[in-house]
Amino acid sequence: MDIILIPGLWLDASSWEDVTPALERAGHRTHPLSLPGLGEPASASAGIGIADWIAAAVAAVDAAPGEVVVVGHSGGGNVAWGVADARPDRVRRVVFVDTVPPPAGTGISEFTIVDGVVPFPGWDFFPEEDVHDLDEPTRARTAPLTRSVPARVPTDGITLENPDRYHVPVTLL
């Protein structure tokens, strides 16, 4: 099975490095994504929104030879649900990690825009119930890996039009 791995905001494909070996040993083909505009200045990323991130993930689905499983972590869950909406016939399952399927028209969240992009706001930004299970070594290892996201990605409302997405099985972790 091909598994499309969509990272959360501020993270790239390398965020899945601890996960991919086990999936590959189980016989799966992994496709961890780095999404457009990540780490780019506003001059290069101002036009990039959530629809562009969904399009990049849909392209990964289209490149796979058959059905896929799509995994979305945190803000990547909106992207994963957008993929299910665009390709319900190709997505065998969506796995949401630390997130839920979003309703149509909603964004991921609002974050402070700095110089036209959204930098990682630091762990203190998030409610304790959202990060309490991240120990200090994990926080210390992860924060330096973060990169800014295009300002529109977290705030653009997601367009969902295909009710067939409701036929795609979902797992919430």
N, C-alpha and C. Protein backbone atom coordinates (compact mmCIF):
# COMPACT_ATOMS: atom_id res chain seq x y z
N MET A 1 0.85 -1.18 0.00
CA MET A 1 0.00 0.00 0.00
C MET A 1 0.89 1.23 0.00
N ASP A 2 0.53 2.21 -0.79
CA ASP A 2 1.20 3.50 -0.79
C ASP A 2 0.59 4.35 0.32
N ILE A 3 1.44 4.96 1.13
CA ILE A 3 0.98 5.81 2.23
C ILE A 3 1.54 7.20 2.03
N ILE A 4 0.64 8.17 1.87
CA ILE A 4 0.99 9.57 1.71
C ILE A 4 1.03 10.19 3.11
N LEU A 5 2.18 10.71 3.52
CA LEU A 5 2.37 11.25 4.87
C LEU A 5 2.47 12.77 4.80
N ILE A 6 1.46 13.43 5.36
CA ILE A 6 1.37 14.88 5.31
C ILE A 6 1.74 15.44 6.67
N PRO A 7 2.81 16.23 6.74
CA PRO A 7 3.23 16.77 8.04
C PRO A 7 2.32 17.90 8.51
N GLY A 8 2.42 18.21 9.78
CA GLY A 8 1.71 19.35 10.33
C GLY A 8 2.38 20.65 9.91
N LEU A 9 1.75 21.75 10.28
CA LEU A 9 2.34 23.06 9.98
C LEU A 9 3.77 23.11 10.49
N TRP A 10 4.60 23.82 9.78
CA TRP A 10 5.99 24.11 10.11
C TRP A 10 6.93 22.92 9.93
N LEU A 11 6.43 21.76 9.55
CA LEU A 11 7.28 20.58 9.42
C LEU A 11 7.35 20.13 7.96
N ASP A 12 8.43 19.42 7.64
CA ASP A 12 8.58 18.92 6.28
C ASP A 12 8.60 17.39 6.30
N ALA A 13 8.95 16.79 5.20
CA ALA A 13 8.95 15.33 5.06
C ALA A 13 9.81 14.65 6.11
N SER A 14 10.87 15.30 6.56
CA SER A 14 11.76 14.67 7.54
C SER A 14 11.06 14.39 8.88
N SER A 15 9.94 15.03 9.13
CA SER A 15 9.23 14.80 10.39
C SER A 15 8.70 13.37 10.49
N TRP A 16 8.65 12.67 9.38
CA TRP A 16 8.16 11.29 9.37
C TRP A 16 9.29 10.26 9.45
N GLU A 17 10.54 10.69 9.61
CA GLU A 17 11.68 9.76 9.57
C GLU A 17 11.62 8.66 10.63
N ASP A 18 11.02 8.91 11.77
CA ASP A 18 10.92 7.87 12.79
C ASP A 18 9.82 6.86 12.48
N VAL A 19 8.91 7.22 11.58
CA VAL A 19 7.75 6.39 11.26
C VAL A 19 7.97 5.54 10.01
N THR A 20 8.62 6.10 9.02
CA THR A 20 8.70 5.42 7.72
C THR A 20 9.40 4.07 7.76
N PRO A 21 10.47 3.87 8.54
CA PRO A 21 11.10 2.54 8.51
C PRO A 21 10.15 1.41 8.92
N ALA A 22 9.34 1.63 9.94
CA ALA A 22 8.41 0.58 10.38
C ALA A 22 7.35 0.31 9.32
N LEU A 23 6.86 1.36 8.69
CA LEU A 23 5.87 1.17 7.63
C LEU A 23 6.47 0.42 6.45
N GLU A 24 7.70 0.74 6.11
CA GLU A 24 8.36 0.07 4.98
C GLU A 24 8.68 -1.39 5.32
N ARG A 25 9.06 -1.65 6.56
CA ARG A 25 9.29 -3.06 6.97
C ARG A 25 8.00 -3.86 6.88
N ALA A 26 6.87 -3.20 7.07
CA ALA A 26 5.57 -3.87 6.97
C ALA A 26 5.12 -4.03 5.51
N GLY A 27 5.95 -3.58 4.57
CA GLY A 27 5.67 -3.78 3.15
C GLY A 27 5.01 -2.61 2.44
N HIS A 28 4.90 -1.48 3.12
CA HIS A 28 4.27 -0.31 2.50
C HIS A 28 5.29 0.57 1.80
N ARG A 29 4.83 1.36 0.87
CA ARG A 29 5.64 2.38 0.21
C ARG A 29 5.24 3.72 0.81
N THR A 30 6.20 4.43 1.38
CA THR A 30 5.88 5.70 2.04
C THR A 30 6.24 6.88 1.14
N HIS A 31 5.43 7.92 1.26
CA HIS A 31 5.62 9.14 0.50
C HIS A 31 5.45 10.33 1.44
N PRO A 32 6.48 10.61 2.24
CA PRO A 32 6.39 11.79 3.12
C PRO A 32 6.54 13.06 2.28
N LEU A 33 5.69 14.04 2.56
CA LEU A 33 5.66 15.24 1.75
C LEU A 33 6.29 16.44 2.45
N SER A 34 6.88 17.31 1.66
CA SER A 34 7.23 18.67 2.06
C SER A 34 6.36 19.55 1.15
N LEU A 35 5.60 20.43 1.77
CA LEU A 35 4.59 21.17 1.01
C LEU A 35 5.10 22.51 0.50
N PRO A 36 4.49 23.04 -0.55
CA PRO A 36 4.99 24.25 -1.21
C PRO A 36 5.07 25.46 -0.27
N GLY A 37 6.13 26.21 -0.43
CA GLY A 37 6.30 27.46 0.31
C GLY A 37 6.86 27.32 1.70
N LEU A 38 7.03 26.10 2.17
CA LEU A 38 7.56 25.89 3.52
C LEU A 38 8.96 26.48 3.62
N GLY A 39 9.14 27.37 4.58
CA GLY A 39 10.45 27.98 4.79
C GLY A 39 10.80 29.07 3.81
N GLU A 40 9.90 29.40 2.91
CA GLU A 40 10.16 30.43 1.90
C GLU A 40 9.73 31.80 2.42
N PRO A 41 10.40 32.87 2.00
CA PRO A 41 9.97 34.21 2.40
C PRO A 41 8.63 34.55 1.73
N ALA A 42 7.99 35.58 2.24
CA ALA A 42 6.70 36.00 1.69
C ALA A 42 6.79 36.33 0.21
N SER A 43 7.92 36.85 -0.23
CA SER A 43 8.07 37.19 -1.65
C SER A 43 7.91 35.98 -2.55
N ALA A 44 8.20 34.80 -2.02
CA ALA A 44 8.07 33.57 -2.81
C ALA A 44 6.84 32.75 -2.44
N SER A 45 6.19 33.06 -1.30
CA SER A 45 5.11 32.20 -0.84
C SER A 45 3.77 32.90 -0.63
N ALA A 46 3.69 34.18 -0.89
CA ALA A 46 2.46 34.93 -0.60
C ALA A 46 1.24 34.38 -1.33
N GLY A 47 1.42 33.82 -2.50
CA GLY A 47 0.30 33.30 -3.27
C GLY A 47 -0.12 31.89 -2.91
N ILE A 48 0.58 31.26 -1.98
CA ILE A 48 0.33 29.86 -1.65
C ILE A 48 -0.67 29.77 -0.51
N GLY A 49 -1.73 28.98 -0.73
CA GLY A 49 -2.75 28.76 0.29
C GLY A 49 -3.00 27.29 0.49
N ILE A 50 -4.00 27.00 1.30
CA ILE A 50 -4.31 25.61 1.62
C ILE A 50 -4.66 24.81 0.36
N ALA A 51 -5.30 25.44 -0.62
CA ALA A 51 -5.64 24.73 -1.86
C ALA A 51 -4.39 24.25 -2.58
N ASP A 52 -3.31 25.01 -2.48
CA ASP A 52 -2.04 24.61 -3.12
C ASP A 52 -1.43 23.41 -2.38
N TRP A 53 -1.56 23.41 -1.06
CA TRP A 53 -1.06 22.26 -0.30
C TRP A 53 -1.87 21.01 -0.63
N ILE A 54 -3.18 21.17 -0.74
CA ILE A 54 -4.02 20.03 -1.12
C ILE A 54 -3.65 19.55 -2.52
N ALA A 55 -3.44 20.47 -3.44
CA ALA A 55 -3.07 20.09 -4.81
C ALA A 55 -1.76 19.32 -4.83
N ALA A 56 -0.80 19.72 -4.02
CA ALA A 56 0.48 19.00 -3.96
C ALA A 56 0.28 17.57 -3.44
N ALA A 57 -0.58 17.41 -2.44
CA ALA A 57 -0.84 16.08 -1.90
C ALA A 57 -1.66 15.24 -2.89
N VAL A 58 -2.59 15.87 -3.59
CA VAL A 58 -3.36 15.16 -4.62
C VAL A 58 -2.41 14.68 -5.72
N ALA A 59 -1.42 15.48 -6.07
CA ALA A 59 -0.44 15.06 -7.08
C ALA A 59 0.31 13.81 -6.62
N ALA A 60 0.60 13.71 -5.32
CA ALA A 60 1.26 12.51 -4.79
C ALA A 60 0.34 11.30 -4.90
N VAL A 61 -0.94 11.49 -4.65
CA VAL A 61 -1.91 10.40 -4.82
C VAL A 61 -1.96 9.99 -6.28
N ASP A 62 -2.04 10.97 -7.17
CA ASP A 62 -2.12 10.67 -8.60
C ASP A 62 -0.88 9.96 -9.11
N ALA A 63 0.26 10.18 -8.48
CA ALA A 63 1.50 9.52 -8.90
C ALA A 63 1.59 8.07 -8.41
N ALA A 64 0.80 7.73 -7.42
CA ALA A 64 0.82 6.36 -6.88
C ALA A 64 0.07 5.43 -7.84
N PRO A 65 0.46 4.15 -7.86
CA PRO A 65 -0.14 3.24 -8.84
C PRO A 65 -1.56 2.77 -8.52
N GLY A 66 -2.01 2.89 -7.30
CA GLY A 66 -3.34 2.38 -6.96
C GLY A 66 -3.93 3.17 -5.81
N GLU A 67 -4.72 2.47 -4.98
CA GLU A 67 -5.29 3.12 -3.82
C GLU A 67 -4.20 3.50 -2.82
N VAL A 68 -4.49 4.51 -2.02
CA VAL A 68 -3.52 5.00 -1.04
C VAL A 68 -4.19 5.18 0.31
N VAL A 69 -3.37 5.22 1.33
CA VAL A 69 -3.77 5.69 2.65
C VAL A 69 -3.15 7.06 2.80
N VAL A 70 -3.92 8.01 3.30
CA VAL A 70 -3.43 9.37 3.49
C VAL A 70 -3.41 9.64 4.99
N VAL A 71 -2.25 10.08 5.49
CA VAL A 71 -2.08 10.39 6.90
C VAL A 71 -1.80 11.88 7.03
N GLY A 72 -2.58 12.55 7.87
CA GLY A 72 -2.39 13.98 8.09
C GLY A 72 -2.13 14.25 9.57
N HIS A 73 -1.01 14.89 9.85
CA HIS A 73 -0.68 15.25 11.23
C HIS A 73 -1.07 16.69 11.49
N SER A 74 -1.80 16.93 12.57
CA SER A 74 -2.15 18.27 13.03
C SER A 74 -2.75 19.08 11.87
N GLY A 75 -2.15 20.23 11.53
CA GLY A 75 -2.66 21.04 10.43
C GLY A 75 -2.68 20.31 9.11
N GLY A 76 -1.87 19.27 8.97
CA GLY A 76 -1.89 18.45 7.77
C GLY A 76 -3.17 17.65 7.62
N GLY A 77 -3.96 17.59 8.70
CA GLY A 77 -5.25 16.91 8.62
C GLY A 77 -6.20 17.60 7.67
N ASN A 78 -6.15 18.94 7.62
CA ASN A 78 -6.99 19.65 6.66
C ASN A 78 -6.59 19.28 5.24
N VAL A 79 -5.30 19.15 5.01
CA VAL A 79 -4.82 18.75 3.69
C VAL A 79 -5.30 17.34 3.37
N ALA A 80 -5.17 16.43 4.33
CA ALA A 80 -5.59 15.05 4.11
C ALA A 80 -7.07 14.95 3.78
N TRP A 81 -7.90 15.74 4.47
CA TRP A 81 -9.34 15.70 4.21
C TRP A 81 -9.64 16.32 2.84
N GLY A 82 -8.87 17.32 2.46
CA GLY A 82 -9.01 17.88 1.12
C GLY A 82 -8.66 16.87 0.04
N VAL A 83 -7.67 16.03 0.31
CA VAL A 83 -7.31 14.96 -0.63
C VAL A 83 -8.46 13.95 -0.74
N ALA A 84 -9.05 13.59 0.39
CA ALA A 84 -10.18 12.65 0.36
C ALA A 84 -11.34 13.23 -0.43
N ASP A 85 -11.54 14.53 -0.33
CA ASP A 85 -12.59 15.21 -1.08
C ASP A 85 -12.29 15.17 -2.58
N ALA A 86 -11.02 15.37 -2.94
CA ALA A 86 -10.62 15.42 -4.35
C ALA A 86 -10.52 14.03 -4.99
N ARG A 87 -10.12 13.04 -4.22
CA ARG A 87 -9.89 11.70 -4.77
C ARG A 87 -10.50 10.60 -3.89
N PRO A 88 -11.80 10.66 -3.60
CA PRO A 88 -12.38 9.64 -2.73
C PRO A 88 -12.30 8.23 -3.32
N ASP A 89 -12.20 8.13 -4.63
CA ASP A 89 -12.08 6.84 -5.29
C ASP A 89 -10.70 6.23 -5.16
N ARG A 90 -9.70 7.03 -4.80
CA ARG A 90 -8.32 6.54 -4.68
C ARG A 90 -7.86 6.40 -3.23
N VAL A 91 -8.54 7.09 -2.32
CA VAL A 91 -8.11 7.08 -0.91
C VAL A 91 -8.85 5.96 -0.18
N ARG A 92 -8.08 4.99 0.26
CA ARG A 92 -8.65 3.84 0.96
C ARG A 92 -8.98 4.16 2.41
N ARG A 93 -8.19 5.07 3.02
CA ARG A 93 -8.40 5.46 4.41
C ARG A 93 -7.67 6.77 4.64
N VAL A 94 -8.22 7.60 5.55
CA VAL A 94 -7.52 8.78 6.03
C VAL A 94 -7.25 8.57 7.51
N VAL A 95 -6.01 8.80 7.90
CA VAL A 95 -5.62 8.73 9.31
C VAL A 95 -5.30 10.14 9.77
N PHE A 96 -6.01 10.58 10.79
CA PHE A 96 -5.80 11.91 11.37
C PHE A 96 -4.99 11.74 12.65
N VAL A 97 -3.81 12.37 12.71
CA VAL A 97 -2.96 12.30 13.88
C VAL A 97 -3.01 13.66 14.59
N ASP A 98 -3.52 13.68 15.79
CA ASP A 98 -3.66 14.91 16.58
C ASP A 98 -4.51 15.96 15.87
N THR A 99 -5.56 15.53 15.21
CA THR A 99 -6.48 16.42 14.53
C THR A 99 -7.76 15.67 14.19
N VAL A 100 -8.71 16.36 13.61
CA VAL A 100 -9.98 15.77 13.20
C VAL A 100 -10.35 16.28 11.81
N PRO A 101 -11.30 15.62 11.14
CA PRO A 101 -11.73 16.13 9.84
C PRO A 101 -12.37 17.52 10.00
N PRO A 102 -11.92 18.49 9.22
CA PRO A 102 -12.47 19.84 9.35
C PRO A 102 -13.78 20.00 8.59
N PRO A 103 -14.65 20.88 9.07
CA PRO A 103 -15.83 21.21 8.27
C PRO A 103 -15.45 22.14 7.12
N ALA A 104 -16.24 22.10 6.07
CA ALA A 104 -16.00 22.96 4.90
C ALA A 104 -15.96 24.42 5.34
N GLY A 105 -15.04 25.15 4.72
CA GLY A 105 -14.95 26.59 4.96
C GLY A 105 -14.08 27.01 6.13
N THR A 106 -13.63 26.06 6.93
CA THR A 106 -12.81 26.43 8.08
C THR A 106 -11.33 26.39 7.75
N GLY A 107 -10.57 27.18 8.49
CA GLY A 107 -9.12 27.16 8.38
C GLY A 107 -8.54 26.30 9.49
N ILE A 108 -7.24 26.19 9.49
CA ILE A 108 -6.55 25.42 10.51
C ILE A 108 -6.58 26.18 11.83
N SER A 109 -6.13 27.43 11.79
CA SER A 109 -6.12 28.27 12.97
C SER A 109 -5.54 29.61 12.56
N GLU A 110 -5.57 30.54 13.48
CA GLU A 110 -4.95 31.84 13.23
C GLU A 110 -3.68 31.96 14.05
N PHE A 111 -2.64 32.34 13.39
CA PHE A 111 -1.34 32.52 14.03
C PHE A 111 -0.80 33.89 13.64
N THR A 112 0.14 34.37 14.39
CA THR A 112 0.74 35.67 14.12
C THR A 112 1.55 35.60 12.83
N ILE A 113 1.33 36.58 11.97
CA ILE A 113 2.09 36.69 10.73
C ILE A 113 3.26 37.63 10.97
N VAL A 114 4.45 37.17 10.63
CA VAL A 114 5.68 37.95 10.80
C VAL A 114 6.36 38.03 9.43
N ASP A 115 6.56 39.23 8.95
CA ASP A 115 7.19 39.44 7.64
C ASP A 115 6.51 38.64 6.54
N GLY A 116 5.19 38.53 6.62
CA GLY A 116 4.42 37.89 5.57
C GLY A 116 4.33 36.38 5.62
N VAL A 117 4.88 35.76 6.66
CA VAL A 117 4.81 34.30 6.83
C VAL A 117 4.42 34.00 8.28
N VAL A 118 4.13 32.74 8.54
CA VAL A 118 3.78 32.32 9.90
C VAL A 118 4.91 31.46 10.45
N PRO A 119 5.73 32.04 11.35
CA PRO A 119 6.78 31.23 11.97
C PRO A 119 6.19 30.34 13.06
N PHE A 120 6.90 29.31 13.43
CA PHE A 120 6.49 28.46 14.55
C PHE A 120 6.37 29.34 15.78
N PRO A 121 5.21 29.33 16.47
CA PRO A 121 5.02 30.26 17.58
C PRO A 121 5.63 29.81 18.90
N GLY A 122 6.22 28.64 18.94
CA GLY A 122 6.78 28.11 20.19
C GLY A 122 5.75 27.29 20.94
N TRP A 123 6.23 26.44 21.80
CA TRP A 123 5.35 25.50 22.51
C TRP A 123 4.38 26.21 23.45
N ASP A 124 4.78 27.35 24.01
CA ASP A 124 3.91 28.05 24.95
C ASP A 124 2.65 28.61 24.30
N PHE A 125 2.64 28.73 23.00
CA PHE A 125 1.46 29.23 22.29
C PHE A 125 0.28 28.27 22.44
N PHE A 126 0.55 26.98 22.48
CA PHE A 126 -0.49 25.97 22.44
C PHE A 126 -1.05 25.68 23.83
N PRO A 127 -2.36 25.39 23.91
CA PRO A 127 -2.92 25.01 25.20
C PRO A 127 -2.21 23.78 25.76
N GLU A 128 -2.05 23.75 27.05
CA GLU A 128 -1.33 22.64 27.69
C GLU A 128 -1.90 21.28 27.31
N GLU A 129 -3.23 21.18 27.18
CA GLU A 129 -3.81 19.88 26.84
C GLU A 129 -3.40 19.41 25.44
N ASP A 130 -2.95 20.33 24.59
CA ASP A 130 -2.51 19.96 23.25
C ASP A 130 -1.06 19.48 23.21
N VAL A 131 -0.26 19.88 24.18
CA VAL A 131 1.18 19.57 24.12
C VAL A 131 1.70 18.87 25.37
N HIS A 132 0.82 18.55 26.31
CA HIS A 132 1.28 17.98 27.58
C HIS A 132 2.05 16.67 27.42
N ASP A 133 1.76 15.93 26.36
CA ASP A 133 2.43 14.65 26.17
C ASP A 133 3.73 14.75 25.37
N LEU A 134 4.14 15.96 25.04
CA LEU A 134 5.44 16.15 24.37
C LEU A 134 6.48 16.46 25.44
N ASP A 135 7.36 15.50 25.66
CA ASP A 135 8.38 15.72 26.70
C ASP A 135 9.42 16.73 26.23
N GLU A 136 10.24 17.18 27.14
CA GLU A 136 11.24 18.21 26.81
C GLU A 136 12.21 17.78 25.71
N PRO A 137 12.72 16.53 25.73
CA PRO A 137 13.61 16.14 24.62
C PRO A 137 12.93 16.20 23.25
N THR A 138 11.65 15.82 23.19
CA THR A 138 10.92 15.89 21.93
C THR A 138 10.74 17.34 21.50
N ARG A 139 10.38 18.21 22.43
CA ARG A 139 10.21 19.63 22.11
C ARG A 139 11.54 20.23 21.65
N ALA A 140 12.61 19.90 22.36
CA ALA A 140 13.93 20.45 22.01
C ALA A 140 14.41 19.95 20.65
N ARG A 141 14.09 18.70 20.31
CA ARG A 141 14.51 18.13 19.03
C ARG A 141 13.66 18.68 17.88
N THR A 142 12.39 18.95 18.13
CA THR A 142 11.46 19.33 17.07
C THR A 142 11.52 20.82 16.72
N ALA A 143 11.59 21.68 17.70
CA ALA A 143 11.53 23.13 17.44
C ALA A 143 12.55 23.60 16.40
N PRO A 144 13.80 23.14 16.44
CA PRO A 144 14.75 23.61 15.43
C PRO A 144 14.45 23.12 14.01
N LEU A 145 13.60 22.12 13.88
CA LEU A 145 13.25 21.59 12.55
C LEU A 145 12.12 22.39 11.89
N THR A 146 11.48 23.26 12.65
CA THR A 146 10.34 23.99 12.11
C THR A 146 10.77 25.09 11.15
N ARG A 147 9.90 25.33 10.19
CA ARG A 147 10.13 26.40 9.21
C ARG A 147 8.82 27.14 9.00
N SER A 148 8.90 28.36 8.61
CA SER A 148 7.70 29.17 8.42
C SER A 148 6.79 28.58 7.35
N VAL A 149 5.50 28.90 7.47
CA VAL A 149 4.53 28.50 6.46
C VAL A 149 3.96 29.75 5.79
N PRO A 150 3.52 29.61 4.55
CA PRO A 150 2.88 30.75 3.89
C PRO A 150 1.71 31.26 4.72
N ALA A 151 1.54 32.56 4.79
CA ALA A 151 0.55 33.17 5.68
C ALA A 151 -0.87 32.69 5.42
N ARG A 152 -1.21 32.38 4.18
CA ARG A 152 -2.58 31.97 3.88
C ARG A 152 -2.90 30.53 4.24
N VAL A 153 -1.89 29.69 4.35
CA VAL A 153 -2.16 28.26 4.56
C VAL A 153 -3.00 28.01 5.81
N PRO A 154 -2.66 28.55 6.96
CA PRO A 154 -3.48 28.22 8.13
C PRO A 154 -4.83 28.94 8.19
N THR A 155 -5.00 30.02 7.44
CA THR A 155 -6.23 30.79 7.57
C THR A 155 -7.22 30.59 6.43
N ASP A 156 -6.77 30.15 5.27
CA ASP A 156 -7.70 29.89 4.17
C ASP A 156 -8.73 28.85 4.60
N GLY A 157 -9.97 29.09 4.27
CA GLY A 157 -10.99 28.07 4.49
C GLY A 157 -10.84 26.94 3.49
N ILE A 158 -11.06 25.74 3.95
CA ILE A 158 -10.93 24.58 3.07
C ILE A 158 -12.20 24.40 2.25
N THR A 159 -12.02 24.17 0.96
CA THR A 159 -13.14 23.91 0.07
C THR A 159 -13.37 22.40 0.01
N LEU A 160 -14.55 21.99 0.42
CA LEU A 160 -14.94 20.58 0.39
C LEU A 160 -16.28 20.51 -0.34
N GLU A 161 -16.30 19.78 -1.45
CA GLU A 161 -17.50 19.76 -2.28
C GLU A 161 -18.02 18.37 -2.60
N ASN A 162 -17.21 17.35 -2.38
CA ASN A 162 -17.58 16.01 -2.82
C ASN A 162 -18.06 15.18 -1.64
N PRO A 163 -19.36 14.91 -1.55
CA PRO A 163 -19.86 14.13 -0.42
C PRO A 163 -19.34 12.69 -0.38
N ASP A 164 -18.73 12.22 -1.47
CA ASP A 164 -18.16 10.87 -1.47
C ASP A 164 -17.02 10.74 -0.46
N ARG A 165 -16.46 11.86 0.00
CA ARG A 165 -15.39 11.78 1.02
C ARG A 165 -15.92 11.10 2.28
N TYR A 166 -17.22 11.18 2.52
CA TYR A 166 -17.81 10.56 3.71
C TYR A 166 -17.82 9.04 3.64
N HIS A 167 -17.53 8.49 2.47
CA HIS A 167 -17.45 7.04 2.31
C HIS A 167 -16.03 6.51 2.54
N VAL A 168 -15.07 7.43 2.72
CA VAL A 168 -13.69 7.05 2.97
C VAL A 168 -13.57 6.75 4.48
N PRO A 169 -13.12 5.55 4.86
CA PRO A 169 -12.93 5.26 6.28
C PRO A 169 -11.90 6.20 6.91
N VAL A 170 -12.13 6.53 8.16
CA VAL A 170 -11.29 7.48 8.88
C VAL A 170 -10.83 6.86 10.19
N THR A 171 -9.58 7.09 10.55
CA THR A 171 -9.04 6.70 11.85
C THR A 171 -8.52 7.95 12.51
N LEU A 172 -8.88 8.17 13.78
CA LEU A 172 -8.41 9.31 14.55
C LEU A 172 -7.41 8.82 15.59
N LEU A 173 -6.21 9.40 15.59
CA LEU A 173 -5.20 9.07 16.59
C LEU A 173 -4.87 10.31 17.40
